PDB file of N, CA and C in Angstrom:
ATOM      1  N   MET A   1     -34.225   0.582  -7.621  1.00  0.00           N
ATOM      2  CA  MET A   1     -35.327   0.866  -7.117  1.00  0.00           C
ATOM      3  C   MET A   1     -36.082   1.850  -8.025  1.00  0.00           C
ATOM      4  N   GLY A   2     -37.513   1.672  -8.692  1.00  0.00           N
ATOM      5  CA  GLY A   2     -38.073   2.570  -9.142  1.00  0.00           C
ATOM      6  C   GLY A   2     -38.537   3.889  -8.600  1.00  0.00           C
ATOM      7  N   ILE A   3     -39.116   4.883  -9.325  1.00  0.00           N
ATOM      8  CA  ILE A   3     -39.375   6.211  -8.687  1.00  0.00           C
ATOM      9  C   ILE A   3     -40.503   5.762  -7.704  1.00  0.00           C
ATOM     10  N   TRP A   4     -41.630   4.958  -8.334  1.00  0.00           N
ATOM     11  CA  TRP A   4     -42.735   4.748  -7.411  1.00  0.00           C
ATOM     12  C   TRP A   4     -42.173   4.386  -5.808  1.00  0.00           C
ATOM     13  N   ASN A   5     -41.143   3.628  -5.699  1.00  0.00           N
ATOM     14  CA  ASN A   5     -40.852   2.752  -4.491  1.00  0.00           C
ATOM     15  C   ASN A   5     -40.286   3.971  -3.841  1.00  0.00           C
ATOM     16  N   LYS A   6     -39.314   4.931  -4.539  1.00  0.00           N
ATOM     17  CA  LYS A   6     -38.882   6.010  -3.892  1.00  0.00           C
ATOM     18  C   LYS A   6     -39.408   7.077  -3.270  1.00  0.00           C
ATOM     19  N   PHE A   7     -40.658   6.950  -3.830  1.00  0.00           N
ATOM     20  CA  PHE A   7     -41.509   8.161  -3.825  1.00  0.00           C
ATOM     21  C   PHE A   7     -42.408   7.271  -1.973  1.00  0.00           C
ATOM     22  N   VAL A   8     -42.971   6.074  -2.361  1.00  0.00           N
ATOM     23  CA  VAL A   8     -43.472   5.741  -1.481  1.00  0.00           C
ATOM     24  C   VAL A   8     -42.910   5.406  -0.254  1.00  0.00           C
ATOM     25  N   ASN A   9     -41.391   5.471  -0.043  1.00  0.00           N
ATOM     26  CA  ASN A   9     -40.524   5.199   1.007  1.00  0.00           C
ATOM     27  C   ASN A   9     -40.572   6.649   1.615  1.00  0.00           C
ATOM     28  N   PHE A  10     -40.252   7.441   0.684  1.00  0.00           N
ATOM     29  CA  PHE A  10     -40.569   8.941   1.137  1.00  0.00           C
ATOM     30  C   PHE A  10     -41.525   9.167   1.938  1.00  0.00           C
ATOM     31  N   MET A  11     -42.555   8.744   1.303  1.00  0.00           N
ATOM     32  CA  MET A  11     -43.650   9.507   2.215  1.00  0.00           C
ATOM     33  C   MET A  11     -44.099   8.700   3.658  1.00  0.00           C
ATOM     34  N   VAL A  12     -44.051   7.236   3.321  1.00  0.00           N
ATOM     35  CA  VAL A  12     -44.282   6.476   4.290  1.00  0.00           C
ATOM     36  C   VAL A  12     -42.881   6.014   5.117  1.00  0.00           C
ATOM     37  N   GLY A  13     -41.823   6.259   4.910  1.00  0.00           N
ATOM     38  CA  GLY A  13     -40.919   6.085   5.604  1.00  0.00           C
ATOM     39  C   GLY A  13     -40.372   4.480   5.337  1.00  0.00           C
ATOM     40  N   GLU A  14     -38.878   4.510   5.297  1.00  0.00           N
ATOM     41  CA  GLU A  14     -38.054   3.320   4.922  1.00  0.00           C
ATOM     42  C   GLU A  14     -37.805   2.439   6.321  1.00  0.00           C
ATOM     43  N   PRO A  15     -38.381   0.981   6.252  1.00  0.00           N
ATOM     44  CA  PRO A  15     -38.162   0.286   7.669  1.00  0.00           C
ATOM     45  C   PRO A  15     -36.655   0.666   8.079  1.00  0.00           C
ATOM     46  N   THR A  16     -36.437   0.657   9.496  1.00  0.00           N
ATOM     47  CA  THR A  16     -34.934   0.807   9.512  1.00  0.00           C
ATOM     48  C   THR A  16     -34.708  -0.217   9.999  1.00  0.00           C
ATOM     49  N   GLY A  17     -35.282  -1.091  10.782  1.00  0.00           N
ATOM     50  CA  GLY A  17     -34.785  -2.794  11.031  1.00  0.00           C
ATOM     51  C   GLY A  17     -33.881  -2.741  12.136  1.00  0.00           C
ATOM     52  N   GLU A  18     -34.410  -1.651  13.368  1.00  0.00           N
ATOM     53  CA  GLU A  18     -33.834  -1.469  14.636  1.00  0.00           C
ATOM     54  C   GLU A  18     -35.004  -2.294  15.350  1.00  0.00           C
ATOM     55  N   ARG A  19     -34.318  -3.327  16.105  1.00  0.00           N
ATOM     56  CA  ARG A  19     -35.071  -4.177  16.931  1.00  0.00           C
ATOM     57  C   ARG A  19     -35.644  -3.256  18.475  1.00  0.00           C
ATOM     58  N   ALA A  20     -36.773  -3.618  18.640  1.00  0.00           N
ATOM     59  CA  ALA A  20     -37.325  -2.827  20.016  1.00  0.00           C
ATOM     60  C   ALA A  20     -36.678  -3.455  21.225  1.00  0.00           C
ATOM     61  N   LYS A  21     -36.545  -2.958  22.318  1.00  0.00           N
ATOM     62  CA  LYS A  21     -35.826  -3.693  23.470  1.00  0.00           C
ATOM     63  C   LYS A  21     -37.053  -2.999  24.578  1.00  0.00           C
ATOM     64  N   ASP A  22     -36.902  -4.027  25.698  1.00  0.00           N
ATOM     65  CA  ASP A  22     -37.587  -3.556  27.025  1.00  0.00           C
ATOM     66  C   ASP A  22     -36.589  -2.592  27.693  1.00  0.00           C
ATOM     67  N   SER A  23     -37.339  -2.426  28.976  1.00  0.00           N
ATOM     68  CA  SER A  23     -36.402  -1.784  30.157  1.00  0.00           C
ATOM     69  C   SER A  23     -35.142  -2.384  30.568  1.00  0.00           C
ATOM     70  N   LYS A  24     -34.859  -3.580  30.457  1.00  0.00           N
ATOM     71  CA  LYS A  24     -33.845  -4.320  30.901  1.00  0.00           C
ATOM     72  C   LYS A  24     -32.915  -4.548  29.472  1.00  0.00           C
ATOM     73  N   GLY A  25     -33.471  -4.183  28.616  1.00  0.00           N
ATOM     74  CA  GLY A  25     -32.333  -4.500  27.006  1.00  0.00           C
ATOM     75  C   GLY A  25     -32.630  -5.688  26.533  1.00  0.00           C
ATOM     76  N   ARG A  26     -33.622  -6.501  26.776  1.00  0.00           N
ATOM     77  CA  ARG A  26     -33.749  -7.337  25.843  1.00  0.00           C
ATOM     78  C   ARG A  26     -34.838  -7.321  24.752  1.00  0.00           C
ATOM     79  N   PHE A  27     -34.448  -8.084  23.794  1.00  0.00           N
ATOM     80  CA  PHE A  27     -35.509  -7.998  22.777  1.00  0.00           C
ATOM     81  C   PHE A  27     -36.909  -8.141  23.000  1.00  0.00           C
ATOM     82  N   VAL A  28     -37.760  -7.602  22.274  1.00  0.00           N
ATOM     83  CA  VAL A  28     -39.401  -7.719  22.492  1.00  0.00           C
ATOM     84  C   VAL A  28     -39.771  -8.636  21.412  1.00  0.00           C
ATOM     85  N   ALA A  29     -40.784  -9.317  21.925  1.00  0.00           N
ATOM     86  CA  ALA A  29     -41.250 -10.407  20.674  1.00  0.00           C
ATOM     87  C   ALA A  29     -42.496  -9.672  20.059  1.00  0.00           C
ATOM     88  N   ASP A  30     -42.739 -10.174  19.039  1.00  0.00           N
ATOM     89  CA  ASP A  30     -43.850  -9.796  18.576  1.00  0.00           C
ATOM     90  C   ASP A  30     -45.319 -10.330  19.134  1.00  0.00           C
ATOM     91  N   ASP A  31     -46.185  -9.226  19.067  1.00  0.00           N
ATOM     92  CA  ASP A  31     -47.881 -10.014  19.768  1.00  0.00           C
ATOM     93  C   ASP A  31     -48.384 -10.431  18.575  1.00  0.00           C
ATOM     94  N   LYS A  32     -48.721 -11.565  18.430  1.00  0.00           N
ATOM     95  CA  LYS A  32     -49.523 -12.127  17.448  1.00  0.00           C
ATOM     96  C   LYS A  32     -50.905 -11.862  17.179  1.00  0.00           C
ATOM     97  N   SER A  33     -51.686 -11.042  18.390  1.00  0.00           N
ATOM     98  CA  SER A  33     -52.563 -10.677  18.278  1.00  0.00           C
ATOM     99  C   SER A  33     -52.857  -9.093  17.580  1.00  0.00           C
ATOM    100  N   THR A  34     -51.922  -8.870  17.174  1.00  0.00           N
ATOM    101  CA  THR A  34     -52.041  -7.625  16.442  1.00  0.00           C
ATOM    102  C   THR A  34     -51.188  -7.623  15.269  1.00  0.00           C
ATOM    103  N   PRO A  35     -51.821  -8.454  14.326  1.00  0.00           N
ATOM    104  CA  PRO A  35     -51.105  -8.584  13.037  1.00  0.00           C
ATOM    105  C   PRO A  35     -50.847  -7.143  12.083  1.00  0.00           C
ATOM    106  N   SER A  36     -51.411  -6.043  12.161  1.00  0.00           N
ATOM    107  CA  SER A  36     -51.104  -4.880  11.480  1.00  0.00           C
ATOM    108  C   SER A  36     -49.676  -4.098  11.853  1.00  0.00           C
ATOM    109  N   THR A  37     -49.159  -4.572  13.203  1.00  0.00           N
ATOM    110  CA  THR A  37     -48.432  -3.878  14.030  1.00  0.00           C
ATOM    111  C   THR A  37     -47.354  -4.931  14.026  1.00  0.00           C
ATOM    112  N   ASN A  38     -46.052  -4.746  14.042  1.00  0.00           N
ATOM    113  CA  ASN A  38     -44.855  -5.466  14.527  1.00  0.00           C
ATOM    114  C   ASN A  38     -44.379  -5.044  15.902  1.00  0.00           C
ATOM    115  N   GLU A  39     -44.424  -5.762  16.845  1.00  0.00           N
ATOM    116  CA  GLU A  39     -44.164  -4.954  18.224  1.00  0.00           C
ATOM    117  C   GLU A  39     -42.383  -5.288  18.438  1.00  0.00           C
ATOM    118  N   ALA A  40     -41.742  -5.875  17.697  1.00  0.00           N
ATOM    119  CA  ALA A  40     -40.521  -6.644  17.748  1.00  0.00           C
ATOM    120  C   ALA A  40     -39.643  -5.627  17.069  1.00  0.00           C
ATOM    121  N   TYR A  41     -39.845  -4.623  16.317  1.00  0.00           N
ATOM    122  CA  TYR A  41     -39.337  -3.496  15.733  1.00  0.00           C
ATOM    123  C   TYR A  41     -39.870  -2.221  16.138  1.00  0.00           C
ATOM    124  N   LYS A  42     -38.827  -1.041  16.276  1.00  0.00           N
ATOM    125  CA  LYS A  42     -39.252   0.228  16.632  1.00  0.00           C
ATOM    126  C   LYS A  42     -40.283   0.922  16.044  1.00  0.00           C
ATOM    127  N   ASP A  43     -39.896   0.766  14.653  1.00  0.00           N
ATOM    128  CA  ASP A  43     -41.022   1.705  13.702  1.00  0.00           C
ATOM    129  C   ASP A  43     -42.486   1.061  13.347  1.00  0.00           C
ATOM    130  N   GLY A  44     -42.609  -0.494  13.870  1.00  0.00           N
ATOM    131  CA  GLY A  44     -43.456  -1.448  13.934  1.00  0.00           C
ATOM    132  C   GLY A  44     -43.780  -1.992  12.538  1.00  0.00           C
ATOM    133  N   ARG A  45     -42.532  -2.267  11.914  1.00  0.00           N
ATOM    134  CA  ARG A  45     -42.646  -2.582  10.521  1.00  0.00           C
ATOM    135  C   ARG A  45     -41.320  -3.483  10.304  1.00  0.00           C
ATOM    136  N   LYS A  46     -41.578  -4.533   9.892  1.00  0.00           N
ATOM    137  CA  LYS A  46     -40.396  -5.640   9.440  1.00  0.00           C
ATOM    138  C   LYS A  46     -39.578  -5.301   8.394  1.00  0.00           C
ATOM    139  N   PRO A  47     -38.267  -5.146   8.258  1.00  0.00           N
ATOM    140  CA  PRO A  47     -37.528  -4.696   7.161  1.00  0.00           C
ATOM    141  C   PRO A  47     -37.681  -5.716   6.246  1.00  0.00           C
ATOM    142  N   VAL A  48     -37.504  -5.500   4.699  1.00  0.00           N
ATOM    143  CA  VAL A  48     -37.496  -6.388   3.714  1.00  0.00           C
ATOM    144  C   VAL A  48     -36.136  -6.905   3.392  1.00  0.00           C
ATOM    145  N   LYS A  49     -36.174  -8.409   3.406  1.00  0.00           N
ATOM    146  CA  LYS A  49     -34.843  -9.041   3.450  1.00  0.00           C
ATOM    147  C   LYS A  49     -34.481  -8.700   1.854  1.00  0.00           C
ATOM    148  N   LYS A  50     -32.988  -8.521   1.861  1.00  0.00           N
ATOM    149  CA  LYS A  50     -32.129  -8.264   0.573  1.00  0.00           C
ATOM    150  C   LYS A  50     -31.844  -9.502   0.073  1.00  0.00           C
ATOM    151  N   VAL A  51     -32.564  -9.487  -1.643  1.00  0.00           N
ATOM    152  CA  VAL A  51     -32.142 -10.764  -2.150  1.00  0.00           C
ATOM    153  C   VAL A  51     -30.770 -11.183  -2.588  1.00  0.00           C
ATOM    154  N   ARG A  52     -30.306 -12.295  -2.195  1.00  0.00           N
ATOM    155  CA  ARG A  52     -28.680 -12.336  -2.382  1.00  0.00           C
ATOM    156  C   ARG A  52     -28.754 -13.280  -3.882  1.00  0.00           C
ATOM    157  N   LYS A  53     -27.780 -12.710  -4.650  1.00  0.00           N
ATOM    158  CA  LYS A  53     -27.455 -13.729  -5.873  1.00  0.00           C
ATOM    159  C   LYS A  53     -26.980 -14.890  -5.548  1.00  0.00           C
ATOM    160  N   THR A  54     -27.587 -15.961  -5.894  1.00  0.00           N
ATOM    161  CA  THR A  54     -26.892 -16.913  -5.849  1.00  0.00           C
ATOM    162  C   THR A  54     -25.886 -17.543  -6.860  1.00  0.00           C
ATOM    163  N   ALA A  55     -24.809 -18.003  -6.182  1.00  0.00           N
ATOM    164  CA  ALA A  55     -23.521 -18.575  -7.341  1.00  0.00           C
ATOM    165  C   ALA A  55     -24.010 -19.353  -8.288  1.00  0.00           C
ATOM    166  N   VAL A  56     -23.298 -19.549  -9.481  1.00  0.00           N
ATOM    167  CA  VAL A  56     -23.385 -20.654 -10.438  1.00  0.00           C
ATOM    168  C   VAL A  56     -22.600 -21.620 -10.215  1.00  0.00           C
ATOM    169  N   LYS A  57     -23.147 -22.579  -9.899  1.00  0.00           N
ATOM    170  CA  LYS A  57     -22.498 -23.854  -9.841  1.00  0.00           C
ATOM    171  C   LYS A  57     -21.775 -24.543 -11.064  1.00  0.00           C
ATOM    172  N   LYS A  58     -20.481 -24.740 -10.760  1.00  0.00           N
ATOM    173  CA  LYS A  58     -19.576 -25.268 -11.898  1.00  0.00           C
ATOM    174  C   LYS A  58     -19.816 -26.897 -11.884  1.00  0.00           C
ATOM    175  N   THR A  59     -20.142 -27.186 -13.023  1.00  0.00           N
ATOM    176  CA  THR A  59     -20.224 -28.943 -12.977  1.00  0.00           C
ATOM    177  C   THR A  59     -18.879 -29.272 -13.242  1.00  0.00           C
ATOM    178  N   THR A  60     -18.403 -30.290 -12.674  1.00  0.00           N
ATOM    179  CA  THR A  60     -16.981 -30.883 -12.856  1.00  0.00           C
ATOM    180  C   THR A  60     -17.269 -32.146 -13.741  1.00  0.00           C
ATOM    181  N   VAL A  61     -16.345 -32.345 -14.414  1.00  0.00           N
ATOM    182  CA  VAL A  61     -16.043 -33.286 -15.184  1.00  0.00           C
ATOM    183  C   VAL A  61     -15.487 -34.661 -14.460  1.00  0.00           C
ATOM    184  N   LYS A  62     -16.271 -35.843 -14.320  1.00  0.00           N
ATOM    185  CA  LYS A  62     -15.322 -36.787 -13.584  1.00  0.00           C
ATOM    186  C   LYS A  62     -14.719 -37.765 -14.732  1.00  0.00           C
ATOM    187  N   LYS A  63     -13.642 -38.261 -13.887  1.00  0.00           N
ATOM    188  CA  LYS A  63     -12.659 -38.961 -14.585  1.00  0.00           C
ATOM    189  C   LYS A  63     -13.251 -40.400 -14.598  1.00  0.00           C
ATOM    190  N   THR A  64     -13.331 -40.965 -15.884  1.00  0.00           N
ATOM    191  CA  THR A  64     -14.036 -42.336 -16.009  1.00  0.00           C
ATOM    192  C   THR A  64     -12.514 -42.990 -16.413  1.00  0.00           C
ATOM    193  N   THR A  65     -12.375 -44.261 -15.737  1.00  0.00           N
ATOM    194  CA  THR A  65     -11.313 -45.127 -16.128  1.00  0.00           C
ATOM    195  C   THR A  65     -11.607 -46.459 -16.139  1.00  0.00           C
ATOM    196  N   THR A  66     -10.893 -47.338 -17.310  1.00  0.00           N
ATOM    197  CA  THR A  66     -11.446 -48.601 -17.271  1.00  0.00           C
ATOM    198  C   THR A  66     -10.572 -49.657 -16.757  1.00  0.00           C
ATOM    199  N   LYS A  67      -9.721 -49.218 -16.367  1.00  0.00           N
ATOM    200  CA  LYS A  67      -8.844 -50.328 -15.209  1.00  0.00           C
ATOM    201  C   LYS A  67      -9.123 -50.085 -13.611  1.00  0.00           C
ATOM    202  N   GLY A  68      -8.684 -51.031 -13.033  1.00  0.00           N
ATOM    203  CA  GLY A  68      -8.831 -50.868 -11.539  1.00  0.00           C
ATOM    204  C   GLY A  68      -8.546 -49.736 -10.791  1.00  0.00           C
ATOM    205  N   ARG A  69      -7.842 -49.689  -9.607  1.00  0.00           N
ATOM    206  CA  ARG A  69      -7.376 -48.428  -8.854  1.00  0.00           C
ATOM    207  C   ARG A  69      -5.996 -48.280  -8.981  1.00  0.00           C
ATOM    208  N   GLY A  70      -5.385 -49.406  -9.929  1.00  0.00           N
ATOM    209  CA  GLY A  70      -3.708 -49.068 -10.381  1.00  0.00           C
ATOM    210  C   GLY A  70      -3.070 -49.725  -9.219  1.00  0.00           C
ATOM    211  N   ARG A  71      -1.740 -49.739  -9.424  1.00  0.00           N
ATOM    212  CA  ARG A  71      -0.909 -50.060  -8.775  1.00  0.00           C
ATOM    213  C   ARG A  71      -0.630 -49.226  -7.665  1.00  0.00           C
ATOM    214  N   PRO A  72      -0.524 -49.843  -6.512  1.00  0.00           N
ATOM    215  CA  PRO A  72      -0.267 -49.113  -5.045  1.00  0.00           C
ATOM    216  C   PRO A  72       1.202 -48.501  -5.308  1.00  0.00           C
ATOM    217  N   LYS A  73       1.498 -47.257  -4.510  1.00  0.00           N
ATOM    218  CA  LYS A  73       2.755 -46.705  -4.461  1.00  0.00           C
ATOM    219  C   LYS A  73       3.613 -47.607  -3.841  1.00  0.00           C
ATOM    220  N   GLY A  74       4.809 -47.483  -4.373  1.00  0.00           N
ATOM    221  CA  GLY A  74       6.070 -48.541  -3.668  1.00  0.00           C
ATOM    222  C   GLY A  74       5.702 -50.092  -3.709  1.00  0.00           C
ATOM    223  N   SER A  75       5.022 -49.915  -4.864  1.00  0.00           N
ATOM    224  CA  SER A  75       4.795 -51.646  -4.791  1.00  0.00           C
ATOM    225  C   SER A  75       6.187 -52.720  -5.697  1.00  0.00           C
ATOM    226  N   LYS A  76       6.183 -53.978  -5.151  1.00  0.00           N
ATOM    227  CA  LYS A  76       7.363 -54.511  -5.691  1.00  0.00           C
ATOM    228  C   LYS A  76       7.222 -54.875  -7.001  1.00  0.00           C
ATOM    229  N   ASN A  77       5.907 -54.849  -7.665  1.00  0.00           N
ATOM    230  CA  ASN A  77       5.633 -55.442  -9.117  1.00  0.00           C
ATOM    231  C   ASN A  77       5.908 -54.250  -9.891  1.00  0.00           C
ATOM    232  N   LYS A  78       6.893 -53.554  -9.976  1.00  0.00           N
ATOM    233  CA  LYS A  78       7.034 -52.303 -10.706  1.00  0.00           C
ATOM    234  C   LYS A  78       7.080 -52.738 -12.323  1.00  0.00           C
ATOM    235  N   VAL A  79       6.893 -52.204 -13.326  1.00  0.00           N
ATOM    236  CA  VAL A  79       7.140 -52.324 -14.276  1.00  0.00           C
ATOM    237  C   VAL A  79       8.480 -52.156 -15.045  1.00  0.00           C
ATOM    238  N   LYS A  80       8.950 -53.209 -15.591  1.00  0.00           N
ATOM    239  CA  LYS A  80      10.716 -53.394 -15.712  1.00  0.00           C
ATOM    240  C   LYS A  80      10.715 -52.694 -16.995  1.00  0.00           C
TER     241      LYS A  80
END
């Protein structure tokens, strides 16, 4: 995090991410008619999602066989 972001978070305050609840303890939904505030969170700002690193997928080498599926196990036509 850069110095500017730290300064802005210090001055404005970092979003806590704590959800707002009503008197019965249920979560409150966001009111779409007020685009500048988010009523679903206590401080009115939605927290920023953290970016997860994606794992690098390993490519597997597929075996190529020229023969068929081979002799089944326990077959009577074994090699002599």
